[in-house]
Amino acid sequence: MPVVEWNQQEAPGTLEVLDHLQRGTAHYVGVEWWPTDHAELSQAYVLVCDAAGQVLRSLPLDERFDGWQFLDLPGDAPRQAVVVNGGGRAHIYRGLWIYALGEDHVPGDLLFETRAVWVVIEDSKAGLRVIRSLDNMVGGHSSATNVHRWDGQHFQFDAQRSTWPEEPPDTRRVWER
């Protein structure tokens, strides 16, 4: 595959390729961009390219690239999805974004996104779930978790399996009672 062309005229820096995977005709490239002057934070992306290196979709991950995985989403109309993981460097947290895969394995609609101190996807007899652990405000994991379950069409908040009321997807910290 040709090198992906990255043109950052306004802020020069270095693009570091961290991972590459071909799925169908799409090439997934995990990259981090480091600014030359170090006045800005790094930026991470998953670039989805065609065989010629043309970027078809850019998936922002904040400051750090942590990988991807592919899922089969069960339901009346089963489909596939890609999960991309990233996070912050200055503030320790993880981000998770789930995109439905479209034609030629190119990510389409964003199905779910969240940020937390810890985020994991669990596929078990109980079904496909995203579990996020929130920060207890003094550092480290909390007992406060939000669980979202795939219902065949969407990820829905699961109050029975969660140990904390539903928090917005970008909440990283909570005050525990």
N, C-alpha and C. Protein backbone atom coordinates (compact mmCIF):
# COMPACT_ATOMS: atom_id res chain seq x y z
N MET A 1 0.85 -1.18 0.00
CA MET A 1 0.00 0.00 0.00
C MET A 1 0.88 1.23 0.00
N PRO A 2 0.54 2.22 -0.80
CA PRO A 2 1.32 3.46 -0.79
C PRO A 2 1.19 4.16 0.57
N VAL A 3 2.14 5.00 0.84
CA VAL A 3 2.09 5.79 2.07
C VAL A 3 0.90 6.73 1.98
N VAL A 4 0.16 6.85 3.09
CA VAL A 4 -0.98 7.76 3.12
C VAL A 4 -0.44 9.18 3.15
N GLU A 5 -0.98 10.02 2.27
CA GLU A 5 -0.52 11.41 2.22
C GLU A 5 -1.28 12.22 3.26
N TRP A 6 -0.55 12.90 4.11
CA TRP A 6 -1.13 13.70 5.19
C TRP A 6 -0.59 15.10 5.05
N ASN A 7 -1.47 16.06 4.86
CA ASN A 7 -1.03 17.43 4.60
C ASN A 7 -1.54 18.34 5.70
N GLN A 8 -0.68 18.72 6.61
CA GLN A 8 -1.02 19.63 7.71
C GLN A 8 -0.23 20.92 7.50
N GLN A 9 -0.70 21.78 6.62
CA GLN A 9 0.00 23.02 6.30
C GLN A 9 0.05 23.97 7.49
N GLU A 10 -1.06 24.07 8.24
CA GLU A 10 -1.16 25.06 9.32
C GLU A 10 -0.33 24.69 10.54
N ALA A 11 -0.13 23.43 10.78
CA ALA A 11 0.61 22.98 11.96
C ALA A 11 1.50 21.81 11.57
N PRO A 12 2.76 22.08 11.24
CA PRO A 12 3.66 21.00 10.81
C PRO A 12 3.90 20.01 11.94
N GLY A 13 4.12 18.79 11.57
CA GLY A 13 4.38 17.75 12.55
C GLY A 13 4.78 16.46 11.88
N THR A 14 4.82 15.40 12.66
CA THR A 14 5.22 14.09 12.19
C THR A 14 4.06 13.13 12.34
N LEU A 15 3.75 12.39 11.29
CA LEU A 15 2.71 11.38 11.32
C LEU A 15 3.37 10.03 11.52
N GLU A 16 3.00 9.35 12.59
CA GLU A 16 3.56 8.03 12.90
C GLU A 16 2.51 6.97 12.65
N VAL A 17 2.80 6.01 11.78
CA VAL A 17 1.90 4.90 11.50
C VAL A 17 2.16 3.81 12.53
N LEU A 18 1.10 3.45 13.29
CA LEU A 18 1.25 2.49 14.39
C LEU A 18 0.72 1.11 14.06
N ASP A 19 -0.26 1.02 13.16
CA ASP A 19 -0.84 -0.28 12.84
C ASP A 19 -1.49 -0.19 11.46
N HIS A 20 -1.60 -1.34 10.81
CA HIS A 20 -2.22 -1.41 9.50
C HIS A 20 -2.91 -2.76 9.38
N LEU A 21 -4.12 -2.74 8.81
CA LEU A 21 -4.88 -3.97 8.60
C LEU A 21 -5.73 -3.80 7.35
N GLN A 22 -5.74 -4.81 6.51
CA GLN A 22 -6.62 -4.78 5.34
C GLN A 22 -7.84 -5.62 5.65
N ARG A 23 -9.01 -5.07 5.40
CA ARG A 23 -10.28 -5.79 5.58
C ARG A 23 -11.11 -5.53 4.33
N GLY A 24 -11.33 -6.58 3.55
CA GLY A 24 -11.97 -6.39 2.26
C GLY A 24 -11.05 -5.54 1.40
N THR A 25 -11.59 -4.50 0.79
CA THR A 25 -10.77 -3.60 -0.01
C THR A 25 -10.30 -2.39 0.80
N ALA A 26 -10.75 -2.27 2.04
CA ALA A 26 -10.38 -1.12 2.88
C ALA A 26 -9.10 -1.42 3.66
N HIS A 27 -8.29 -0.41 3.78
CA HIS A 27 -7.07 -0.49 4.59
C HIS A 27 -7.26 0.39 5.81
N TYR A 28 -7.12 -0.19 6.99
CA TYR A 28 -7.22 0.54 8.25
C TYR A 28 -5.80 0.88 8.69
N VAL A 29 -5.57 2.17 8.97
CA VAL A 29 -4.25 2.63 9.35
C VAL A 29 -4.39 3.44 10.66
N GLY A 30 -3.79 2.94 11.73
CA GLY A 30 -3.80 3.66 13.01
C GLY A 30 -2.61 4.60 13.04
N VAL A 31 -2.87 5.90 13.24
CA VAL A 31 -1.80 6.90 13.20
C VAL A 31 -1.90 7.84 14.39
N GLU A 32 -0.75 8.40 14.75
CA GLU A 32 -0.68 9.50 15.71
C GLU A 32 0.13 10.62 15.06
N TRP A 33 -0.36 11.84 15.21
CA TRP A 33 0.31 13.01 14.67
C TRP A 33 0.91 13.79 15.82
N TRP A 34 2.22 14.07 15.73
CA TRP A 34 2.95 14.79 16.77
C TRP A 34 3.35 16.15 16.22
N PRO A 35 2.91 17.25 16.85
CA PRO A 35 3.26 18.59 16.36
C PRO A 35 4.75 18.86 16.53
N THR A 36 5.32 19.59 15.58
CA THR A 36 6.74 19.91 15.61
C THR A 36 7.10 20.79 16.79
N ASP A 37 6.25 21.78 17.08
CA ASP A 37 6.60 22.73 18.14
C ASP A 37 6.22 22.26 19.55
N HIS A 38 5.54 21.14 19.68
CA HIS A 38 5.12 20.57 20.96
C HIS A 38 4.23 21.50 21.77
N ALA A 39 3.73 22.56 21.16
CA ALA A 39 2.81 23.47 21.85
C ALA A 39 1.40 22.87 21.88
N GLU A 40 1.12 21.98 20.94
CA GLU A 40 -0.17 21.32 20.88
C GLU A 40 -0.03 19.88 21.35
N LEU A 41 -1.16 19.27 21.68
CA LEU A 41 -1.17 17.86 22.05
C LEU A 41 -1.13 17.00 20.78
N SER A 42 -0.70 15.77 20.94
CA SER A 42 -0.74 14.85 19.81
C SER A 42 -2.20 14.60 19.43
N GLN A 43 -2.39 14.08 18.23
CA GLN A 43 -3.72 13.72 17.75
C GLN A 43 -3.63 12.33 17.15
N ALA A 44 -4.67 11.52 17.36
CA ALA A 44 -4.66 10.16 16.83
C ALA A 44 -5.91 9.94 15.98
N TYR A 45 -5.75 9.06 14.99
CA TYR A 45 -6.84 8.78 14.06
C TYR A 45 -6.73 7.33 13.60
N VAL A 46 -7.85 6.80 13.15
CA VAL A 46 -7.84 5.63 12.30
C VAL A 46 -8.23 6.16 10.93
N LEU A 47 -7.33 6.01 9.98
CA LEU A 47 -7.60 6.40 8.60
C LEU A 47 -8.03 5.16 7.84
N VAL A 48 -9.14 5.24 7.16
CA VAL A 48 -9.62 4.13 6.35
C VAL A 48 -9.39 4.55 4.90
N CYS A 49 -8.55 3.77 4.22
CA CYS A 49 -8.08 4.15 2.88
C CYS A 49 -8.44 3.08 1.85
N ASP A 50 -8.40 3.49 0.58
CA ASP A 50 -8.53 2.51 -0.49
C ASP A 50 -7.13 1.99 -0.83
N ALA A 51 -7.05 1.12 -1.81
CA ALA A 51 -5.76 0.50 -2.16
C ALA A 51 -4.73 1.51 -2.65
N ALA A 52 -5.17 2.66 -3.17
CA ALA A 52 -4.24 3.68 -3.66
C ALA A 52 -3.77 4.62 -2.55
N GLY A 53 -4.30 4.45 -1.33
CA GLY A 53 -3.90 5.33 -0.23
C GLY A 53 -4.80 6.53 -0.05
N GLN A 54 -5.86 6.63 -0.85
CA GLN A 54 -6.83 7.73 -0.72
C GLN A 54 -7.63 7.53 0.56
N VAL A 55 -7.67 8.54 1.43
CA VAL A 55 -8.41 8.44 2.68
C VAL A 55 -9.91 8.50 2.38
N LEU A 56 -10.62 7.43 2.76
CA LEU A 56 -12.06 7.35 2.56
C LEU A 56 -12.82 7.85 3.78
N ARG A 57 -12.22 7.64 4.95
CA ARG A 57 -12.85 8.05 6.21
C ARG A 57 -11.76 8.24 7.25
N SER A 58 -11.88 9.31 8.02
CA SER A 58 -10.95 9.60 9.11
C SER A 58 -11.73 9.53 10.41
N LEU A 59 -11.30 8.67 11.33
CA LEU A 59 -11.99 8.49 12.61
C LEU A 59 -11.11 9.05 13.72
N PRO A 60 -11.47 10.22 14.29
CA PRO A 60 -10.63 10.82 15.34
C PRO A 60 -10.71 10.05 16.64
N LEU A 61 -9.57 9.96 17.33
CA LEU A 61 -9.46 9.18 18.57
C LEU A 61 -8.93 10.00 19.75
N ASP A 62 -8.84 11.26 19.64
CA ASP A 62 -8.25 12.14 20.64
C ASP A 62 -6.74 12.09 20.52
N GLU A 63 -6.00 11.84 21.61
CA GLU A 63 -4.54 11.97 21.59
C GLU A 63 -3.77 10.67 21.35
N ARG A 64 -4.40 9.51 21.56
CA ARG A 64 -3.67 8.25 21.54
C ARG A 64 -4.48 7.18 20.80
N PHE A 65 -3.81 6.39 19.98
CA PHE A 65 -4.41 5.25 19.29
C PHE A 65 -4.20 4.00 20.13
N ASP A 66 -5.30 3.28 20.41
CA ASP A 66 -5.22 2.05 21.21
C ASP A 66 -5.65 0.79 20.47
N GLY A 67 -6.09 0.92 19.23
CA GLY A 67 -6.42 -0.28 18.47
C GLY A 67 -7.85 -0.31 17.96
N TRP A 68 -8.20 -1.47 17.36
CA TRP A 68 -9.53 -1.68 16.82
C TRP A 68 -9.88 -3.13 16.94
N GLN A 69 -11.16 -3.42 16.79
CA GLN A 69 -11.64 -4.79 16.69
C GLN A 69 -12.93 -4.77 15.87
N PHE A 70 -13.25 -5.90 15.29
CA PHE A 70 -14.45 -6.01 14.47
C PHE A 70 -15.45 -6.91 15.17
N LEU A 71 -16.73 -6.55 15.08
CA LEU A 71 -17.79 -7.27 15.77
C LEU A 71 -18.89 -7.67 14.80
N ASP A 72 -19.54 -8.78 15.12
CA ASP A 72 -20.78 -9.14 14.46
C ASP A 72 -21.90 -8.69 15.39
N LEU A 73 -22.79 -7.85 14.90
CA LEU A 73 -23.89 -7.35 15.70
C LEU A 73 -25.12 -8.19 15.40
N PRO A 74 -25.61 -8.96 16.39
CA PRO A 74 -26.78 -9.80 16.15
C PRO A 74 -28.05 -8.96 16.05
N GLY A 75 -29.09 -9.55 15.49
CA GLY A 75 -30.38 -8.88 15.39
C GLY A 75 -31.15 -9.39 14.21
N ASP A 76 -32.30 -8.77 13.96
CA ASP A 76 -33.13 -9.17 12.81
C ASP A 76 -32.39 -8.98 11.50
N ALA A 77 -31.59 -7.92 11.45
CA ALA A 77 -30.75 -7.65 10.28
C ALA A 77 -29.30 -7.59 10.76
N PRO A 78 -28.67 -8.77 10.95
CA PRO A 78 -27.29 -8.77 11.49
C PRO A 78 -26.37 -7.94 10.61
N ARG A 79 -25.42 -7.32 11.25
CA ARG A 79 -24.44 -6.52 10.52
C ARG A 79 -23.12 -6.54 11.27
N GLN A 80 -22.13 -5.97 10.64
CA GLN A 80 -20.81 -5.91 11.24
C GLN A 80 -20.49 -4.49 11.66
N ALA A 81 -19.58 -4.39 12.60
CA ALA A 81 -19.17 -3.08 13.10
C ALA A 81 -17.67 -3.11 13.37
N VAL A 82 -17.09 -1.91 13.44
CA VAL A 82 -15.70 -1.77 13.85
C VAL A 82 -15.70 -0.93 15.12
N VAL A 83 -14.90 -1.36 16.08
CA VAL A 83 -14.72 -0.63 17.34
C VAL A 83 -13.33 -0.04 17.30
N VAL A 84 -13.22 1.27 17.46
CA VAL A 84 -11.90 1.91 17.53
C VAL A 84 -11.71 2.47 18.92
N ASN A 85 -10.49 2.34 19.42
CA ASN A 85 -10.17 2.75 20.78
C ASN A 85 -9.05 3.77 20.78
N GLY A 86 -9.19 4.75 21.63
CA GLY A 86 -8.17 5.77 21.78
C GLY A 86 -8.29 6.40 23.16
N GLY A 87 -7.64 7.52 23.34
CA GLY A 87 -7.75 8.16 24.63
C GLY A 87 -6.86 9.36 24.75
N GLY A 88 -6.74 9.81 25.97
CA GLY A 88 -5.94 10.98 26.27
C GLY A 88 -4.59 10.61 26.85
N ARG A 89 -3.66 11.50 26.74
CA ARG A 89 -2.35 11.33 27.36
C ARG A 89 -2.27 12.19 28.61
N ALA A 90 -2.64 13.47 28.46
CA ALA A 90 -2.56 14.40 29.58
C ALA A 90 -3.57 14.01 30.67
N HIS A 91 -4.74 13.59 30.27
CA HIS A 91 -5.76 13.11 31.19
C HIS A 91 -5.97 11.64 30.88
N ILE A 92 -5.79 10.81 31.86
CA ILE A 92 -5.85 9.36 31.62
C ILE A 92 -7.30 8.92 31.51
N TYR A 93 -7.74 8.63 30.32
CA TYR A 93 -9.05 8.07 30.07
C TYR A 93 -9.01 7.35 28.74
N ARG A 94 -10.03 6.57 28.51
CA ARG A 94 -10.15 5.81 27.28
C ARG A 94 -11.42 6.22 26.55
N GLY A 95 -11.34 6.18 25.24
CA GLY A 95 -12.51 6.44 24.41
C GLY A 95 -12.79 5.22 23.56
N LEU A 96 -14.05 5.02 23.23
CA LEU A 96 -14.46 3.89 22.43
C LEU A 96 -15.55 4.37 21.48
N TRP A 97 -15.39 4.08 20.20
CA TRP A 97 -16.35 4.45 19.17
C TRP A 97 -16.70 3.21 18.37
N ILE A 98 -17.99 2.99 18.16
CA ILE A 98 -18.45 1.83 17.40
C ILE A 98 -19.16 2.33 16.14
N TYR A 99 -18.66 1.92 14.97
CA TYR A 99 -19.21 2.32 13.69
C TYR A 99 -19.76 1.09 12.96
N ALA A 100 -20.93 1.24 12.35
CA ALA A 100 -21.46 0.19 11.48
C ALA A 100 -20.58 0.13 10.24
N LEU A 101 -20.31 -1.07 9.77
CA LEU A 101 -19.53 -1.20 8.54
C LEU A 101 -20.45 -1.15 7.34
N GLY A 102 -20.05 -0.38 6.37
CA GLY A 102 -20.81 -0.26 5.14
C GLY A 102 -20.17 -1.06 4.02
N GLU A 103 -20.43 -0.62 2.82
CA GLU A 103 -19.90 -1.27 1.63
C GLU A 103 -18.38 -1.29 1.66
N ASP A 104 -17.81 -2.38 1.25
CA ASP A 104 -16.36 -2.56 1.19
C ASP A 104 -15.68 -2.38 2.54
N HIS A 105 -16.41 -2.64 3.64
CA HIS A 105 -15.87 -2.58 5.00
C HIS A 105 -15.44 -1.17 5.43
N VAL A 106 -16.02 -0.16 4.83
CA VAL A 106 -15.74 1.23 5.21
C VAL A 106 -16.74 1.62 6.30
N PRO A 107 -16.26 2.19 7.42
CA PRO A 107 -17.17 2.60 8.49
C PRO A 107 -18.21 3.61 8.01
N GLY A 108 -19.43 3.41 8.50
CA GLY A 108 -20.53 4.31 8.16
C GLY A 108 -21.01 5.03 9.41
N ASP A 109 -22.25 4.76 9.79
CA ASP A 109 -22.88 5.44 10.92
C ASP A 109 -22.19 5.13 12.24
N LEU A 110 -22.09 6.16 13.08
CA LEU A 110 -21.60 5.98 14.44
C LEU A 110 -22.74 5.40 15.26
N LEU A 111 -22.54 4.20 15.82
CA LEU A 111 -23.57 3.53 16.60
C LEU A 111 -23.49 3.86 18.09
N PHE A 112 -22.26 4.11 18.57
CA PHE A 112 -22.09 4.34 20.01
C PHE A 112 -20.72 4.96 20.24
N GLU A 113 -20.65 5.86 21.23
CA GLU A 113 -19.36 6.39 21.65
C GLU A 113 -19.41 6.67 23.13
N THR A 114 -18.27 6.53 23.78
CA THR A 114 -18.20 6.82 25.20
C THR A 114 -16.76 7.05 25.60
N ARG A 115 -16.59 7.70 26.74
CA ARG A 115 -15.27 7.92 27.34
C ARG A 115 -15.38 7.62 28.82
N ALA A 116 -14.33 7.08 29.37
CA ALA A 116 -14.31 6.76 30.80
C ALA A 116 -12.89 6.41 31.20
N VAL A 117 -12.72 6.14 32.48
CA VAL A 117 -11.42 5.69 32.96
C VAL A 117 -11.10 4.32 32.38
N TRP A 118 -12.13 3.51 32.23
CA TRP A 118 -11.96 2.14 31.73
C TRP A 118 -13.21 1.79 30.92
N VAL A 119 -13.03 1.26 29.72
CA VAL A 119 -14.14 0.86 28.86
C VAL A 119 -13.80 -0.49 28.24
N VAL A 120 -14.77 -1.41 28.24
CA VAL A 120 -14.54 -2.73 27.67
C VAL A 120 -15.81 -3.19 26.96
N ILE A 121 -15.63 -3.97 25.90
CA ILE A 121 -16.75 -4.63 25.23
C ILE A 121 -16.74 -6.08 25.67
N GLU A 122 -17.90 -6.55 26.08
CA GLU A 122 -18.03 -7.93 26.56
C GLU A 122 -19.08 -8.63 25.71
N ASP A 123 -18.70 -9.76 25.14
CA ASP A 123 -19.63 -10.56 24.34
C ASP A 123 -19.78 -11.89 25.04
N SER A 124 -20.91 -12.09 25.71
CA SER A 124 -21.12 -13.30 26.50
C SER A 124 -22.53 -13.83 26.27
N LYS A 125 -22.93 -14.80 27.07
CA LYS A 125 -24.28 -15.34 26.97
C LYS A 125 -25.32 -14.25 27.25
N ALA A 126 -24.94 -13.26 28.03
CA ALA A 126 -25.85 -12.15 28.34
C ALA A 126 -25.98 -11.19 27.16
N GLY A 127 -25.19 -11.38 26.11
CA GLY A 127 -25.26 -10.53 24.93
C GLY A 127 -24.07 -9.60 24.84
N LEU A 128 -24.12 -8.73 23.87
CA LEU A 128 -23.05 -7.77 23.60
C LEU A 128 -23.27 -6.54 24.47
N ARG A 129 -22.28 -6.21 25.29
CA ARG A 129 -22.41 -5.08 26.21
C ARG A 129 -21.16 -4.23 26.19
N VAL A 130 -21.33 -2.93 26.43
CA VAL A 130 -20.23 -2.01 26.64
C VAL A 130 -20.30 -1.61 28.11
N ILE A 131 -19.20 -1.83 28.83
CA ILE A 131 -19.14 -1.51 30.25
C ILE A 131 -18.11 -0.42 30.45
N ARG A 132 -18.52 0.66 31.12
CA ARG A 132 -17.60 1.76 31.37
C ARG A 132 -17.55 2.04 32.86
N SER A 133 -16.33 2.17 33.35
CA SER A 133 -16.10 2.47 34.75
C SER A 133 -15.68 3.92 34.86
N LEU A 134 -16.33 4.65 35.74
CA LEU A 134 -16.07 6.07 35.90
C LEU A 134 -15.05 6.30 37.01
N ASP A 135 -14.41 7.45 36.98
CA ASP A 135 -13.38 7.83 37.94
C ASP A 135 -14.04 8.25 39.24
N ASN A 136 -13.40 7.94 40.37
CA ASN A 136 -13.99 8.31 41.65
C ASN A 136 -13.53 9.67 42.15
N MET A 137 -13.03 10.51 41.27
CA MET A 137 -12.60 11.89 41.54
C MET A 137 -11.31 11.99 42.34
N VAL A 138 -10.83 10.92 42.89
CA VAL A 138 -9.54 10.97 43.58
C VAL A 138 -8.52 10.11 42.85
N GLY A 139 -8.89 9.66 41.67
CA GLY A 139 -7.99 8.85 40.86
C GLY A 139 -8.34 7.39 40.92
N GLY A 140 -8.17 6.72 39.82
CA GLY A 140 -8.42 5.29 39.76
C GLY A 140 -9.86 4.95 39.44
N HIS A 141 -10.10 3.64 39.32
CA HIS A 141 -11.42 3.13 38.97
C HIS A 141 -12.38 3.33 40.12
N SER A 142 -13.62 3.46 39.76
CA SER A 142 -14.71 3.62 40.70
C SER A 142 -15.57 2.36 40.67
N SER A 143 -16.42 2.22 41.64
CA SER A 143 -17.40 1.13 41.58
C SER A 143 -18.59 1.56 40.71
N ALA A 144 -18.59 2.81 40.28
CA ALA A 144 -19.67 3.31 39.42
C ALA A 144 -19.45 2.85 37.99
N THR A 145 -20.37 2.05 37.47
CA THR A 145 -20.27 1.59 36.10
C THR A 145 -21.58 1.85 35.37
N ASN A 146 -21.47 2.15 34.10
CA ASN A 146 -22.61 2.23 33.20
C ASN A 146 -22.48 1.08 32.21
N VAL A 147 -23.56 0.34 32.01
CA VAL A 147 -23.57 -0.78 31.08
C VAL A 147 -24.59 -0.45 29.99
N HIS A 148 -24.16 -0.62 28.75
CA HIS A 148 -25.04 -0.45 27.60
C HIS A 148 -25.09 -1.77 26.86
N ARG A 149 -26.28 -2.23 26.52
CA ARG A 149 -26.50 -3.53 25.90
C ARG A 149 -27.01 -3.33 24.47
N TRP A 150 -26.50 -4.15 23.55
CA TRP A 150 -26.96 -4.13 22.16
C TRP A 150 -28.32 -4.82 22.10
N ASP A 151 -29.35 -4.12 21.62
CA ASP A 151 -30.70 -4.69 21.58
C ASP A 151 -31.09 -5.18 20.18
N GLY A 152 -30.14 -5.25 19.28
CA GLY A 152 -30.41 -5.68 17.91
C GLY A 152 -30.44 -4.51 16.95
N GLN A 153 -30.58 -3.28 17.49
CA GLN A 153 -30.59 -2.08 16.65
C GLN A 153 -29.74 -0.96 17.23
N HIS A 154 -29.68 -0.88 18.57
CA HIS A 154 -28.99 0.21 19.26
C HIS A 154 -28.35 -0.30 20.54
N PHE A 155 -27.42 0.47 21.06
CA PHE A 155 -26.91 0.22 22.40
C PHE A 155 -27.79 0.99 23.37
N GLN A 156 -28.42 0.28 24.29
CA GLN A 156 -29.34 0.87 25.26
C GLN A 156 -28.76 0.76 26.67
N PHE A 157 -29.01 1.78 27.48
CA PHE A 157 -28.58 1.75 28.87
C PHE A 157 -29.29 0.60 29.59
N ASP A 158 -28.53 -0.19 30.34
CA ASP A 158 -29.06 -1.33 31.08
C ASP A 158 -29.01 -1.00 32.57
N ALA A 159 -30.13 -0.54 33.11
CA ALA A 159 -30.19 -0.12 34.51
C ALA A 159 -29.98 -1.29 35.47
N GLN A 160 -30.40 -2.51 35.10
CA GLN A 160 -30.23 -3.67 35.98
C GLN A 160 -28.76 -4.05 36.18
N ARG A 161 -27.96 -3.91 35.15
CA ARG A 161 -26.55 -4.31 35.23
C ARG A 161 -25.63 -3.15 35.60
N SER A 162 -26.12 -1.92 35.54
CA SER A 162 -25.31 -0.75 35.89
C SER A 162 -25.33 -0.54 37.40
N THR A 163 -24.24 0.03 37.91
CA THR A 163 -24.18 0.32 39.34
C THR A 163 -24.28 1.81 39.62
N TRP A 164 -24.58 2.58 38.60
CA TRP A 164 -24.67 4.03 38.72
C TRP A 164 -25.70 4.52 37.71
N PRO A 165 -26.44 5.59 38.03
CA PRO A 165 -27.38 6.13 37.03
C PRO A 165 -26.66 6.48 35.73
N GLU A 166 -27.40 6.47 34.64
CA GLU A 166 -26.79 6.74 33.34
C GLU A 166 -26.15 8.12 33.32
N GLU A 167 -24.90 8.14 32.86
CA GLU A 167 -24.14 9.38 32.71
C GLU A 167 -23.99 9.67 31.22
N PRO A 168 -23.88 10.94 30.84
CA PRO A 168 -23.63 11.24 29.42
C PRO A 168 -22.37 10.52 28.93
N PRO A 169 -22.31 10.20 27.62
CA PRO A 169 -21.19 9.40 27.11
C PRO A 169 -19.81 10.02 27.28
N ASP A 170 -19.73 11.34 27.47
CA ASP A 170 -18.41 11.96 27.62
C ASP A 170 -18.04 12.20 29.08
N THR A 171 -18.85 11.74 30.02
CA THR A 171 -18.53 11.87 31.44
C THR A 171 -17.41 10.91 31.80
N ARG A 172 -16.40 11.41 32.46
CA ARG A 172 -15.29 10.56 32.88
C ARG A 172 -15.28 10.36 34.38
N ARG A 173 -15.86 11.30 35.12
CA ARG A 173 -15.75 11.26 36.58
C ARG A 173 -17.12 11.41 37.23
N VAL A 174 -17.25 10.82 38.40
CA VAL A 174 -18.47 10.95 39.20
C VAL A 174 -18.10 11.12 40.66
N TRP A 175 -18.99 11.72 41.41
CA TRP A 175 -18.87 11.74 42.87
C TRP A 175 -19.63 10.53 43.37
N GLU A 176 -18.97 9.67 44.08
CA GLU A 176 -19.68 8.52 44.63
C GLU A 176 -20.37 8.89 45.93
N ARG A 177 -21.51 8.31 46.17
CA ARG A 177 -22.27 8.59 47.38
C ARG A 177 -21.66 7.92 48.58
